[in-house]
Each structure stands twice: as structure tokens, then as C-alpha cells.
Amino acid sequence: MPVFKKSSPIILTKVEFLKDQSDAAFYKDRYQYVLRYAYMPGEELRTALGYKLDPSQTQYISTVPVDGNRTLKTLDKQKKVYKFYIQRTANGDLYAGRYYDADKTWEDALYNFKTLMMAQFKK
């Protein structure tokens, strides 16, 4: 199944796995967007992404896809979690997704991010 519909304005030519570079280096090589991840304690991650914090909470809610629907998962705010995001190389802007979808493993976090983002294209 194609990732984007034929009517999509985005044209994908190929996917390359590159070693990490600075935004300027990616931009110079004509990459406009880069998929990145953060791995840090949930509280720090939420702060870095601009989410509201409640000091009285001991856990945070993460949105995860299950059987084509969204469900909620609790994560200890002091435990390290993974969160994927897309960064625009030209100006450093980032898109972290519509939902806070962090998870304990990078595989689950990537699946959450991709699945929830693709669900938006279906609308």
C-alpha cells in the first residue's frame, strides 16, 4: 500500500539512511525534512516539546494506536521514553504530531508516530 495517495503534493523519490548531520548539512544536501527522535525522561521531554506540566502528576498519558483506534497509555514521568518528530532543516521548526505518542521502546514510539500521523492523511 503506498504511503501517500497519488493526489498528494508530496513526491517521494527514495529513502536513504544517513548518519546524523547538522541541519545545515542536511539542508545543503537538499533534504528539507529529517525524521529525528528524543530519548529522555518523560517530564523533560514534555517540557522540551512545550506540553503543559502538572507537578502533582507521577505519570503522563501517551496516545497509542490499537486496532485502528487511539487509546491511552500511562508512562512514569521520570522514566526515559522515546518520541519521534520531523524537523524542517531550513529553519529548525519541528512537527511532533497531533498527539503526545511517546513510548518505552523506539520501535513502539516510531510505530505510534507513523500510525497516528498517517491516520490524519485519511481524513
C-alpha atoms as a PDB file:
ATOM      1  CA  MET A   1       0.000   0.000   0.000  1.00  0.00           C
ATOM      2  CA  PRO A   2       1.505   3.388  -0.933  1.00  0.00           C
ATOM      3  CA  VAL A   3       2.203   5.770   1.886  1.00  0.00           C
ATOM      4  CA  PHE A   4       0.793   8.783   0.037  1.00  0.00           C
ATOM      5  CA  LYS A   5      -2.146   8.907  -2.335  1.00  0.00           C
ATOM      6  CA  LYS A   6      -1.499   9.872  -5.955  1.00  0.00           C
ATOM      7  CA  SER A   7      -3.171  13.228  -5.322  1.00  0.00           C
ATOM      8  CA  SER A   8      -0.653  14.069  -2.607  1.00  0.00           C
ATOM      9  CA  PRO A   9       1.537  17.103  -3.364  1.00  0.00           C
ATOM     10  CA  ILE A  10       4.485  15.292  -1.776  1.00  0.00           C
ATOM     11  CA  ILE A  11       6.766  13.434  -4.169  1.00  0.00           C
ATOM     12  CA  LEU A  12       8.940  10.696  -2.723  1.00  0.00           C
ATOM     13  CA  THR A  13      11.837   9.557  -4.845  1.00  0.00           C
ATOM     14  CA  LYS A  14      13.869   7.383  -2.495  1.00  0.00           C
ATOM     15  CA  VAL A  15      14.659   6.765   1.131  1.00  0.00           C
ATOM     16  CA  GLU A  16      18.232   6.878   2.343  1.00  0.00           C
ATOM     17  CA  PHE A  17      19.506   6.020   5.785  1.00  0.00           C
ATOM     18  CA  LEU A  18      22.104   8.628   6.593  1.00  0.00           C
ATOM     19  CA  LYS A  19      24.346   9.225   9.519  1.00  0.00           C
ATOM     20  CA  ASP A  20      23.194  12.169  11.574  1.00  0.00           C
ATOM     21  CA  GLN A  21      24.361  15.572  10.413  1.00  0.00           C
ATOM     22  CA  SER A  22      23.641  19.157  11.346  1.00  0.00           C
ATOM     23  CA  ASP A  23      20.511  20.786   9.958  1.00  0.00           C
ATOM     24  CA  ALA A  24      22.726  22.980   7.777  1.00  0.00           C
ATOM     25  CA  ALA A  25      24.442  19.920   6.269  1.00  0.00           C
ATOM     26  CA  PHE A  26      21.110  18.213   5.538  1.00  0.00           C
ATOM     27  CA  TYR A  27      19.768  21.445   4.031  1.00  0.00           C
ATOM     28  CA  LYS A  28      22.893  21.856   1.892  1.00  0.00           C
ATOM     29  CA  ASP A  29      22.320  18.321   0.587  1.00  0.00           C
ATOM     30  CA  ARG A  30      18.739  19.420  -0.280  1.00  0.00           C
ATOM     31  CA  TYR A  31      16.933  17.475   2.448  1.00  0.00           C
ATOM     32  CA  GLN A  32      14.045  19.647   3.585  1.00  0.00           C
ATOM     33  CA  TYR A  33      12.848  17.409   6.433  1.00  0.00           C
ATOM     34  CA  VAL A  34      14.568  14.947   8.743  1.00  0.00           C
ATOM     35  CA  LEU A  35      12.981  12.332  10.985  1.00  0.00           C
ATOM     36  CA  ARG A  36      14.539  12.605  14.444  1.00  0.00           C
ATOM     37  CA  TYR A  37      13.874  11.257  17.912  1.00  0.00           C
ATOM     38  CA  ALA A  38      14.384  12.276  21.509  1.00  0.00           C
ATOM     39  CA  TYR A  39      15.144   9.861  24.350  1.00  0.00           C
ATOM     40  CA  MET A  40      14.854  11.375  27.810  1.00  0.00           C
ATOM     41  CA  PRO A  41      12.717  11.284  30.951  1.00  0.00           C
ATOM     42  CA  GLY A  42       9.066  11.962  30.148  1.00  0.00           C
ATOM     43  CA  GLU A  43       8.913  15.130  32.205  1.00  0.00           C
ATOM     44  CA  GLU A  44      11.934  16.650  30.432  1.00  0.00           C
ATOM     45  CA  LEU A  45      10.588  15.560  27.056  1.00  0.00           C
ATOM     46  CA  ARG A  46       7.201  17.132  27.665  1.00  0.00           C
ATOM     47  CA  THR A  47       8.909  20.359  28.772  1.00  0.00           C
ATOM     48  CA  ALA A  48      11.129  20.393  25.672  1.00  0.00           C
ATOM     49  CA  LEU A  49       8.093  19.951  23.406  1.00  0.00           C
ATOM     50  CA  GLY A  50       6.036  22.619  25.175  1.00  0.00           C
ATOM     51  CA  TYR A  51       3.387  20.402  26.771  1.00  0.00           C
ATOM     52  CA  LYS A  52       1.740  21.562  29.987  1.00  0.00           C
ATOM     53  CA  LEU A  53       3.136  20.013  33.162  1.00  0.00           C
ATOM     54  CA  ASP A  54       1.370  19.229  36.396  1.00  0.00           C
ATOM     55  CA  PRO A  55       3.884  18.846  39.250  1.00  0.00           C
ATOM     56  CA  SER A  56       1.443  16.693  41.216  1.00  0.00           C
ATOM     57  CA  GLN A  57       1.293  14.013  38.490  1.00  0.00           C
ATOM     58  CA  THR A  58       3.510  10.945  38.781  1.00  0.00           C
ATOM     59  CA  GLN A  59       2.556   9.637  35.330  1.00  0.00           C
ATOM     60  CA  TYR A  60       1.741  11.091  31.918  1.00  0.00           C
ATOM     61  CA  ILE A  61      -0.677   9.931  29.267  1.00  0.00           C
ATOM     62  CA  SER A  62       0.574   8.874  25.838  1.00  0.00           C
ATOM     63  CA  THR A  63      -1.735   8.270  22.872  1.00  0.00           C
ATOM     64  CA  VAL A  64      -1.091   4.973  21.106  1.00  0.00           C
ATOM     65  CA  PRO A  65      -2.818   3.265  18.164  1.00  0.00           C
ATOM     66  CA  VAL A  66      -4.532  -0.076  18.836  1.00  0.00           C
ATOM     67  CA  ASP A  67      -6.527  -1.911  16.172  1.00  0.00           C
ATOM     68  CA  GLY A  68      -7.128   1.238  14.124  1.00  0.00           C
ATOM     69  CA  ASN A  69      -8.230   3.323  17.104  1.00  0.00           C
ATOM     70  CA  ARG A  70      -6.469   5.593  19.576  1.00  0.00           C
ATOM     71  CA  THR A  71      -6.096   4.554  23.184  1.00  0.00           C
ATOM     72  CA  LEU A  72      -4.266   5.975  26.184  1.00  0.00           C
ATOM     73  CA  LYS A  73      -1.220   4.555  27.915  1.00  0.00           C
ATOM     74  CA  THR A  74       0.300   5.765  31.178  1.00  0.00           C
ATOM     75  CA  LEU A  75       4.043   6.305  31.478  1.00  0.00           C
ATOM     76  CA  ASP A  76       6.044   7.186  34.593  1.00  0.00           C
ATOM     77  CA  LYS A  77       7.170  10.780  34.155  1.00  0.00           C
ATOM     78  CA  GLN A  78      10.686  10.062  35.473  1.00  0.00           C
ATOM     79  CA  LYS A  79      11.354   7.072  33.152  1.00  0.00           C
ATOM     80  CA  LYS A  80      13.092   7.639  29.842  1.00  0.00           C
ATOM     81  CA  VAL A  81      10.869   7.415  26.778  1.00  0.00           C
ATOM     82  CA  TYR A  82      11.297   7.803  23.024  1.00  0.00           C
ATOM     83  CA  LYS A  83       9.441  10.386  20.949  1.00  0.00           C
ATOM     84  CA  PHE A  84       9.795  10.853  17.193  1.00  0.00           C
ATOM     85  CA  TYR A  85       9.344  14.134  15.349  1.00  0.00           C
ATOM     86  CA  ILE A  86      10.009  15.673  11.945  1.00  0.00           C
ATOM     87  CA  GLN A  87      12.346  18.648  11.769  1.00  0.00           C
ATOM     88  CA  ARG A  88      12.464  21.147   8.926  1.00  0.00           C
ATOM     89  CA  THR A  89      16.109  21.724   8.056  1.00  0.00           C
ATOM     90  CA  ALA A  90      15.705  25.259   6.683  1.00  0.00           C
ATOM     91  CA  ASN A  91      14.627  26.823   9.965  1.00  0.00           C
ATOM     92  CA  GLY A  92      14.674  24.107  12.658  1.00  0.00           C
ATOM     93  CA  ASP A  93      10.882  24.017  13.088  1.00  0.00           C
ATOM     94  CA  LEU A  94       9.612  20.681  14.267  1.00  0.00           C
ATOM     95  CA  TYR A  95       6.411  18.722  13.968  1.00  0.00           C
ATOM     96  CA  ALA A  96       5.890  16.380  16.908  1.00  0.00           C
ATOM     97  CA  GLY A  97       2.482  15.153  15.799  1.00  0.00           C
ATOM     98  CA  ARG A  98      -1.046  15.920  16.862  1.00  0.00           C
ATOM     99  CA  TYR A  99      -0.798  13.650  19.907  1.00  0.00           C
ATOM    100  CA  TYR A 100       1.839  13.037  22.556  1.00  0.00           C
ATOM    101  CA  ASP A 101       2.752   9.494  21.463  1.00  0.00           C
ATOM    102  CA  ALA A 102       5.950   8.697  23.366  1.00  0.00           C
ATOM    103  CA  ASP A 103       6.697   5.106  24.353  1.00  0.00           C
ATOM    104  CA  LYS A 104       9.181   2.903  26.216  1.00  0.00           C
ATOM    105  CA  THR A 105      10.901   1.477  23.113  1.00  0.00           C
ATOM    106  CA  TRP A 106      11.983   3.245  19.947  1.00  0.00           C
ATOM    107  CA  GLU A 107      10.102   0.680  17.857  1.00  0.00           C
ATOM    108  CA  ASP A 108       6.812   1.393  19.627  1.00  0.00           C
ATOM    109  CA  ALA A 109       7.394   5.154  19.567  1.00  0.00           C
ATOM    110  CA  LEU A 110       8.114   5.106  15.823  1.00  0.00           C
ATOM    111  CA  TYR A 111       5.039   2.947  15.181  1.00  0.00           C
ATOM    112  CA  ASN A 112       2.892   5.331  17.262  1.00  0.00           C
ATOM    113  CA  PHE A 113       4.173   8.421  15.460  1.00  0.00           C
ATOM    114  CA  LYS A 114       3.845   6.946  11.965  1.00  0.00           C
ATOM    115  CA  THR A 115       0.439   5.360  12.507  1.00  0.00           C
ATOM    116  CA  LEU A 116      -1.145   8.400  14.155  1.00  0.00           C
ATOM    117  CA  MET A 117       0.326  10.751  11.538  1.00  0.00           C
ATOM    118  CA  MET A 118      -0.900   8.582   8.645  1.00  0.00           C
ATOM    119  CA  ALA A 119      -4.380   8.478  10.187  1.00  0.00           C
ATOM    120  CA  GLN A 120      -4.532  12.245   9.695  1.00  0.00           C
ATOM    121  CA  PHE A 121      -3.987  11.819   5.945  1.00  0.00           C
ATOM    122  CA  LYS A 122      -7.028   9.524   5.745  1.00  0.00           C
ATOM    123  CA  LYS A 123      -9.356  12.285   6.896  1.00  0.00           C
END
